[in-house]
Amino acid sequence: MFPVIPMFAVGILFHSVGAMLSANCYTPQKYIRHWSWETFWLTQAAWCWLLWPIIGAVCTIPEIGHVVAESPKGPMLIAFLMGMAYGIGGTAFNISIRYIGFSLTYAIAVGLSSVIKTFVTPLLQGNLGEIVAKTGSSWVMLGVGLGVLGIAVCGMAGRLKENDLRQQSGSSGEFSMFKGLMLSLVAGVLSAVYGLAMEDVCKPIVDVAAQHGAGFWRGNIAYPFVNTGTFVTVLIYTGYLFRRNRSLGQLTHVAEGSGRASLGLNYVLAMLTGTLWYGQFFFYNLGHVRMGEYEFTSWAIHMILLVLFSNLVALLFREWKGCGPLTRWAIALGLGLLTAAILLMSYGNYLGDPHNS
């Protein structure tokens, strides 16, 4: 097996594909009919956090049985437990949207996750000073900072948008800044935990997969350990909701008089949601192994691209229609900052690529 040559431009392209999938992964949820939240959430979770990680690893990791047998068991358990923690964070993220809206939740949670994951990895490895001294590092760090600023500005634009729409409708809904802020902080921290589990804790397992010829697919071996932990948390929580709401029967039929609701279509849409979510990290791995000297910036690049594409999709579907001039200027500034951040990190990675020296 030939070694993987760092190709940051191709890496960013793969990160872009993954971020685009992530930006649209919950779109199918809009078309679910007559299913409770827990029915949808468990069904899509079965695909993105249980079935696809196993299928992806089996299909791409050579001699997977030997890889699992030879890998250290400690990282497997720790990754599983960190995945369970991420399950709590994902639920907190979803509930936070109810209280402060999509844009603010993304700005707080994704921005916090980007900073924590980007700098904790080199700190844990003890090579932050060495990285900062490398060629192009100042451009990379500037790009990370600008990306976080852009995410914050997009969040501010989202808040302005919600105010504009609220003034038009005269309703404040369930808005609660305190509840939303607390939930978003939990979601952001535990999202970074997921990234640390996937890249750092599972690295010994990934290295064994590489020794067995996994090449640039090697990162796929991490997902069965991390994601199954997430699925267990979702299973426990949705099981509680099924019992409380007596909604378990929705897994086998839709209620009578449900109009045009279709059980089969609901399953297809939930499976599509889970597939898109898993797809983001399938391509994330393909991008991560090509980032060369600044591989640790993969998480920040993915998160910045995610916010960028999610807002571009919102513009495409005219979700900003009816907003005031200040709101439009704010989202334009936010998108401009995110674009500049990606360009700066790309340039820094270019300068740091030894093939360009």
Protein backbone atom coordinates (compact mmCIF):
# COMPACT_ATOMS: atom_id res chain seq x y z
CA MET A 1 0.00 0.00 0.00
CA PHE A 2 1.44 3.37 -1.04
CA PRO A 3 1.65 6.00 1.72
CA VAL A 4 -0.94 8.78 1.69
CA ILE A 5 0.56 11.97 0.25
CA PRO A 6 -0.80 15.06 2.07
CA MET A 7 -2.87 17.01 -0.45
CA PHE A 8 -4.50 19.85 1.45
CA ALA A 9 -6.55 21.08 -1.53
CA VAL A 10 -8.12 17.65 -2.02
CA GLY A 11 -8.52 17.42 1.74
CA ILE A 12 -10.49 20.66 1.89
CA LEU A 13 -12.60 19.46 -1.04
CA PHE A 14 -13.55 16.31 0.90
CA HIS A 15 -14.23 18.42 4.00
CA SER A 16 -16.52 20.57 1.86
CA VAL A 17 -18.50 17.54 0.68
CA GLY A 18 -18.88 16.34 4.27
CA ALA A 19 -19.94 19.79 5.49
CA MET A 20 -22.52 20.07 2.71
CA LEU A 21 -24.02 16.72 3.69
CA SER A 22 -24.11 17.82 7.32
CA ALA A 23 -25.74 21.15 6.44
CA ASN A 24 -28.63 19.27 4.82
CA CYS A 25 -28.86 16.16 6.99
CA TYR A 26 -31.94 17.26 8.93
CA THR A 27 -33.85 18.54 5.89
CA PRO A 28 -35.75 15.22 5.46
CA GLN A 29 -37.14 15.67 8.99
CA LYS A 30 -39.43 18.41 7.67
CA TYR A 31 -41.38 15.81 5.69
CA ILE A 32 -41.89 13.27 8.49
CA ARG A 33 -45.62 12.88 9.19
CA HIS A 34 -47.35 11.63 12.36
CA TRP A 35 -44.23 10.36 14.08
CA SER A 36 -43.17 11.53 17.52
CA TRP A 37 -39.72 13.05 17.89
CA GLU A 38 -38.41 9.97 19.68
CA THR A 39 -39.58 7.64 16.90
CA PHE A 40 -37.77 9.69 14.27
CA TRP A 41 -34.67 10.24 16.41
CA LEU A 42 -34.16 6.57 17.24
CA THR A 43 -34.72 5.48 13.63
CA GLN A 44 -32.22 7.90 12.14
CA ALA A 45 -29.79 7.17 14.99
CA ALA A 46 -29.88 3.47 14.15
CA TRP A 47 -28.42 4.36 10.76
CA CYS A 48 -25.92 7.13 11.52
CA TRP A 49 -24.61 5.83 14.85
CA LEU A 50 -24.98 2.05 14.55
CA LEU A 51 -25.48 0.51 11.10
CA TRP A 52 -23.48 2.79 8.75
CA PRO A 53 -20.36 2.96 10.99
CA ILE A 54 -20.22 -0.83 11.06
CA ILE A 55 -20.98 -1.19 7.33
CA GLY A 56 -18.43 1.49 6.44
CA ALA A 57 -15.69 -0.11 8.52
CA VAL A 58 -16.35 -3.63 7.23
CA CYS A 59 -16.29 -2.43 3.60
CA THR A 60 -13.15 -0.29 3.83
CA ILE A 61 -10.85 -1.77 6.51
CA PRO A 62 -8.86 -4.80 5.31
CA GLU A 63 -8.62 -7.71 7.77
CA ILE A 64 -10.92 -5.87 10.18
CA GLY A 65 -11.13 -8.87 12.51
CA HIS A 66 -7.36 -8.86 12.97
CA VAL A 67 -7.37 -5.07 13.40
CA VAL A 68 -9.89 -5.28 16.25
CA ALA A 69 -8.07 -8.22 17.86
CA GLU A 70 -4.64 -6.49 17.74
CA SER A 71 -5.82 -3.02 18.82
CA PRO A 72 -5.54 -1.91 22.47
CA LYS A 73 -8.82 -2.35 24.33
CA GLY A 74 -8.45 0.71 26.56
CA PRO A 75 -8.97 3.26 23.75
CA MET A 76 -11.98 1.28 22.52
CA LEU A 77 -13.71 1.62 25.89
CA ILE A 78 -12.77 5.27 26.38
CA ALA A 79 -13.97 6.12 22.85
CA PHE A 80 -17.26 4.33 23.53
CA LEU A 81 -17.80 6.31 26.75
CA MET A 82 -16.92 9.59 25.04
CA GLY A 83 -19.42 8.68 22.32
CA MET A 84 -22.06 8.23 25.01
CA ALA A 85 -21.25 11.73 26.27
CA TYR A 86 -21.66 13.08 22.74
CA GLY A 87 -25.13 11.53 22.69
CA ILE A 88 -26.05 13.88 25.55
CA GLY A 89 -24.54 16.81 23.64
CA GLY A 90 -26.48 16.01 20.47
CA THR A 91 -29.75 15.94 22.42
CA ALA A 92 -28.85 19.22 24.16
CA PHE A 93 -28.16 20.78 20.75
CA ASN A 94 -31.56 19.72 19.42
CA ILE A 95 -33.40 21.08 22.48
CA SER A 96 -31.40 24.31 22.40
CA ILE A 97 -32.78 25.07 18.94
CA ARG A 98 -36.26 25.15 20.49
CA TYR A 99 -35.22 27.90 22.92
CA ILE A 100 -32.85 30.17 20.96
CA GLY A 101 -33.21 29.10 17.34
CA PHE A 102 -31.00 27.33 14.82
CA SER A 103 -28.56 30.16 14.08
CA LEU A 104 -27.70 31.06 17.68
CA THR A 105 -27.38 27.40 18.66
CA TYR A 106 -24.97 26.78 15.80
CA ALA A 107 -22.98 29.93 16.56
CA ILE A 108 -22.46 29.06 20.23
CA ALA A 109 -22.10 25.27 20.02
CA VAL A 110 -20.12 25.05 16.77
CA GLY A 111 -17.91 28.02 17.61
CA LEU A 112 -17.04 26.58 21.03
CA SER A 113 -16.45 23.11 19.58
CA SER A 114 -14.13 24.53 16.91
CA VAL A 115 -11.90 26.32 19.42
CA ILE A 116 -11.76 23.51 21.99
CA LYS A 117 -11.00 20.70 19.55
CA THR A 118 -8.51 22.70 17.46
CA PHE A 119 -6.28 23.65 20.38
CA VAL A 120 -6.78 20.76 22.82
CA THR A 121 -5.26 18.21 20.40
CA PRO A 122 -1.82 19.89 20.09
CA LEU A 123 -1.90 20.73 23.81
CA LEU A 124 -2.46 17.07 24.71
CA GLN A 125 0.29 16.03 22.32
CA GLY A 126 2.60 18.70 23.72
CA ASN A 127 3.52 20.11 20.31
CA LEU A 128 1.56 23.38 20.15
CA GLY A 129 4.78 25.44 20.30
CA GLU A 130 6.32 23.37 17.53
CA ILE A 131 3.23 23.80 15.36
CA VAL A 132 3.11 27.56 15.92
CA ALA A 133 6.74 27.81 14.76
CA LYS A 134 6.03 26.05 11.45
CA THR A 135 5.75 27.82 8.11
CA GLY A 136 2.27 29.13 7.46
CA SER A 137 1.05 28.61 11.04
CA SER A 138 0.18 32.29 11.52
CA TRP A 139 -2.17 32.13 8.53
CA VAL A 140 -3.78 28.95 9.87
CA MET A 141 -4.32 30.44 13.34
CA LEU A 142 -5.67 33.66 11.86
CA GLY A 143 -8.07 31.60 9.77
CA VAL A 144 -9.30 29.69 12.83
CA GLY A 145 -9.89 32.94 14.71
CA LEU A 146 -11.63 34.56 11.77
CA GLY A 147 -13.79 31.46 11.37
CA VAL A 148 -14.95 31.64 14.98
CA LEU A 149 -15.71 35.35 14.51
CA GLY A 150 -17.66 34.56 11.34
CA ILE A 151 -19.69 31.91 13.16
CA ALA A 152 -20.49 34.46 15.89
CA VAL A 153 -21.57 37.06 13.32
CA CYS A 154 -23.80 34.48 11.60
CA GLY A 155 -25.32 33.75 15.00
CA MET A 156 -25.97 37.45 15.52
CA ALA A 157 -27.55 37.63 12.08
CA GLY A 158 -29.76 34.69 12.99
CA ARG A 159 -30.89 36.45 16.16
CA LEU A 160 -31.67 39.59 14.16
CA LYS A 161 -33.63 37.47 11.70
CA GLU A 162 -35.67 35.92 14.48
CA ASN A 163 -36.43 39.41 15.84
CA ASP A 164 -37.52 40.57 12.38
CA LEU A 165 -39.83 37.59 11.93
CA ARG A 166 -41.16 37.87 15.49
CA GLN A 167 -42.12 41.50 14.90
CA GLN A 168 -44.02 40.40 11.81
CA SER A 169 -45.85 37.56 13.58
CA GLY A 170 -46.13 39.11 17.05
CA SER A 171 -45.08 35.85 18.80
CA SER A 172 -41.97 35.10 20.88
CA GLY A 173 -42.58 31.33 21.00
CA GLU A 174 -40.51 29.41 23.58
CA PHE A 175 -37.50 31.74 23.47
CA SER A 176 -35.31 31.46 26.57
CA MET A 177 -31.76 32.78 26.30
CA PHE A 178 -30.62 31.23 29.59
CA LYS A 179 -31.86 27.70 28.79
CA GLY A 180 -30.62 27.89 25.21
CA LEU A 181 -27.20 29.22 26.26
CA MET A 182 -26.66 26.48 28.85
CA LEU A 183 -27.73 23.74 26.43
CA SER A 184 -25.57 25.17 23.62
CA LEU A 185 -22.51 25.28 25.90
CA VAL A 186 -23.05 21.63 26.82
CA ALA A 187 -23.52 20.74 23.14
CA GLY A 188 -20.36 22.60 22.10
CA VAL A 189 -18.13 21.01 24.73
CA LEU A 190 -19.42 17.49 24.08
CA SER A 191 -19.15 17.96 20.32
CA ALA A 192 -15.44 18.63 20.85
CA VAL A 193 -15.33 15.47 22.98
CA TYR A 194 -16.62 13.51 19.98
CA GLY A 195 -13.85 14.96 17.80
CA LEU A 196 -11.20 14.13 20.40
CA ALA A 197 -12.48 10.57 20.69
CA MET A 198 -12.48 10.08 16.94
CA GLU A 199 -9.04 11.53 16.17
CA ASP A 200 -6.99 11.28 19.36
CA VAL A 201 -8.33 8.48 21.56
CA CYS A 202 -8.84 6.12 18.60
CA LYS A 203 -5.43 6.90 17.04
CA PRO A 204 -3.81 3.63 18.28
CA ILE A 205 -6.65 1.69 16.65
CA VAL A 206 -6.37 3.74 13.46
CA ASP A 207 -2.62 3.06 13.37
CA VAL A 208 -3.26 -0.70 13.52
CA ALA A 209 -5.73 -0.37 10.63
CA ALA A 210 -3.05 1.47 8.65
CA GLN A 211 -0.61 -1.37 9.28
CA HIS A 212 -3.12 -3.75 7.73
CA GLY A 213 -3.31 -1.65 4.56
CA ALA A 214 -6.33 0.56 5.23
CA GLY A 215 -4.60 3.59 3.66
CA PHE A 216 -6.72 6.73 3.58
CA TRP A 217 -9.75 4.72 4.76
CA ARG A 218 -8.08 4.03 8.09
CA GLY A 219 -10.15 6.56 10.06
CA ASN A 220 -13.33 4.56 9.42
CA ILE A 221 -12.27 2.06 12.10
CA ALA A 222 -12.91 4.71 14.80
CA TYR A 223 -16.62 5.19 14.11
CA PRO A 224 -17.92 1.79 15.30
CA PHE A 225 -16.46 2.47 18.76
CA VAL A 226 -17.40 6.15 19.15
CA ASN A 227 -20.76 6.14 17.37
CA THR A 228 -22.14 3.04 19.06
CA GLY A 229 -21.65 4.83 22.37
CA THR A 230 -23.76 7.68 21.02
CA PHE A 231 -26.43 5.23 19.90
CA VAL A 232 -26.63 3.67 23.38
CA THR A 233 -27.32 7.10 24.91
CA VAL A 234 -30.02 7.79 22.31
CA LEU A 235 -31.53 4.35 22.89
CA ILE A 236 -31.77 4.98 26.64
CA TYR A 237 -33.31 8.44 26.25
CA THR A 238 -35.78 7.53 23.51
CA GLY A 239 -36.71 4.40 25.48
CA TYR A 240 -37.69 6.66 28.37
CA LEU A 241 -39.73 8.85 26.01
CA PHE A 242 -41.42 5.83 24.42
CA ARG A 243 -42.55 4.68 27.83
CA ARG A 244 -43.66 8.12 28.99
CA ASN A 245 -45.52 9.00 25.78
CA ARG A 246 -46.67 5.46 24.94
CA SER A 247 -45.42 5.99 21.40
CA LEU A 248 -43.51 2.75 20.77
CA GLY A 249 -46.27 1.49 18.47
CA GLN A 250 -45.35 4.18 15.92
CA LEU A 251 -42.40 2.02 14.88
CA THR A 252 -44.83 -0.43 13.24
CA HIS A 253 -47.78 1.71 12.15
CA VAL A 254 -49.05 5.26 11.79
CA ALA A 255 -52.20 6.27 13.60
CA GLU A 256 -55.56 5.87 11.90
CA GLY A 257 -56.84 9.02 10.26
CA SER A 258 -53.30 10.19 9.64
CA GLY A 259 -54.12 11.51 6.20
CA ARG A 260 -51.28 11.06 3.72
CA ALA A 261 -48.79 9.81 6.31
CA SER A 262 -46.82 6.77 5.19
CA LEU A 263 -44.88 4.50 7.52
CA GLY A 264 -42.58 3.42 4.69
CA LEU A 265 -41.87 7.01 3.64
CA ASN A 266 -41.11 7.98 7.23
CA TYR A 267 -38.55 5.19 7.44
CA VAL A 268 -36.98 6.23 4.14
CA LEU A 269 -36.69 9.85 5.29
CA ALA A 270 -35.23 8.86 8.65
CA MET A 271 -32.74 6.55 6.93
CA LEU A 272 -31.79 9.38 4.57
CA THR A 273 -31.20 11.67 7.56
CA GLY A 274 -28.92 9.11 9.19
CA THR A 275 -27.10 8.45 5.93
CA LEU A 276 -26.40 12.15 5.35
CA TRP A 277 -25.16 12.55 8.93
CA TYR A 278 -22.81 9.58 8.64
CA GLY A 279 -21.75 10.76 5.18
CA GLN A 280 -20.33 13.96 6.63
CA PHE A 281 -17.76 12.03 8.68
CA PHE A 282 -17.12 9.48 5.96
CA PHE A 283 -15.83 12.38 3.84
CA TYR A 284 -14.36 14.10 6.90
CA ASN A 285 -11.98 11.18 7.31
CA LEU A 286 -10.97 11.33 3.63
CA GLY A 287 -10.15 15.02 4.08
CA HIS A 288 -8.46 14.67 7.45
CA VAL A 289 -5.76 12.24 6.27
CA ARG A 290 -4.75 14.68 3.52
CA MET A 291 -4.25 17.81 5.65
CA GLY A 292 -0.54 17.24 6.18
CA GLU A 293 1.27 19.44 8.73
CA TYR A 294 -1.95 21.07 9.93
CA GLU A 295 -4.09 17.97 10.23
CA PHE A 296 -5.28 19.19 13.65
CA THR A 297 -7.23 22.01 11.92
CA SER A 298 -9.58 19.54 10.23
CA TRP A 299 -12.25 19.96 12.91
CA ALA A 300 -12.25 23.75 12.65
CA ILE A 301 -12.36 23.60 8.85
CA HIS A 302 -15.28 21.17 8.95
CA MET A 303 -17.23 23.29 11.44
CA ILE A 304 -16.61 26.55 9.57
CA LEU A 305 -17.66 24.98 6.28
CA LEU A 306 -20.73 23.52 7.98
CA VAL A 307 -21.94 26.94 9.14
CA LEU A 308 -21.03 28.49 5.78
CA PHE A 309 -22.99 25.92 3.75
CA SER A 310 -25.97 25.82 6.13
CA ASN A 311 -26.40 29.59 5.73
CA LEU A 312 -25.88 29.43 1.97
CA VAL A 313 -28.60 26.76 1.78
CA ALA A 314 -30.86 29.02 3.84
CA LEU A 315 -30.23 31.83 1.35
CA LEU A 316 -30.96 29.49 -1.55
CA PHE A 317 -34.31 28.53 -0.05
CA ARG A 318 -35.07 32.22 0.65
CA GLU A 319 -35.24 31.73 4.41
CA TRP A 320 -33.94 35.29 4.87
CA LYS A 321 -36.80 36.78 2.88
CA GLY A 322 -38.57 39.58 4.75
CA CYS A 323 -35.56 40.47 6.93
CA GLY A 324 -34.41 44.05 7.42
CA PRO A 325 -31.28 45.66 5.89
CA LEU A 326 -29.23 45.27 9.11
CA THR A 327 -29.94 41.54 9.19
CA ARG A 328 -28.96 41.13 5.54
CA TRP A 329 -25.74 43.05 6.03
CA ALA A 330 -24.94 40.93 9.10
CA ILE A 331 -25.36 37.60 7.28
CA ALA A 332 -23.37 38.92 4.31
CA LEU A 333 -20.54 39.91 6.68
CA GLY A 334 -20.68 36.54 8.44
CA LEU A 335 -20.50 34.58 5.19
CA GLY A 336 -17.65 36.79 4.00
CA LEU A 337 -15.68 36.14 7.19
CA LEU A 338 -16.24 32.38 6.91
CA THR A 339 -15.09 32.39 3.30
CA ALA A 340 -12.00 34.41 4.20
CA ALA A 341 -11.25 32.00 7.07
CA ILE A 342 -11.24 28.99 4.74
CA LEU A 343 -8.99 30.82 2.28
CA LEU A 344 -6.53 31.80 5.03
CA MET A 345 -6.34 28.26 6.42
CA SER A 346 -5.93 26.91 2.91
CA TYR A 347 -3.06 29.30 2.25
CA GLY A 348 -1.43 28.39 5.57
CA ASN A 349 -1.72 24.69 4.75
CA TYR A 350 -0.22 25.40 1.32
CA LEU A 351 2.79 27.15 2.86
CA GLY A 352 3.20 24.33 5.37
CA ASP A 353 3.10 21.55 2.79
CA PRO A 354 6.67 20.22 2.43
CA HIS A 355 5.96 19.38 -1.23
CA ASN A 356 5.79 23.13 -1.92
CA SER A 357 9.10 23.97 -0.25
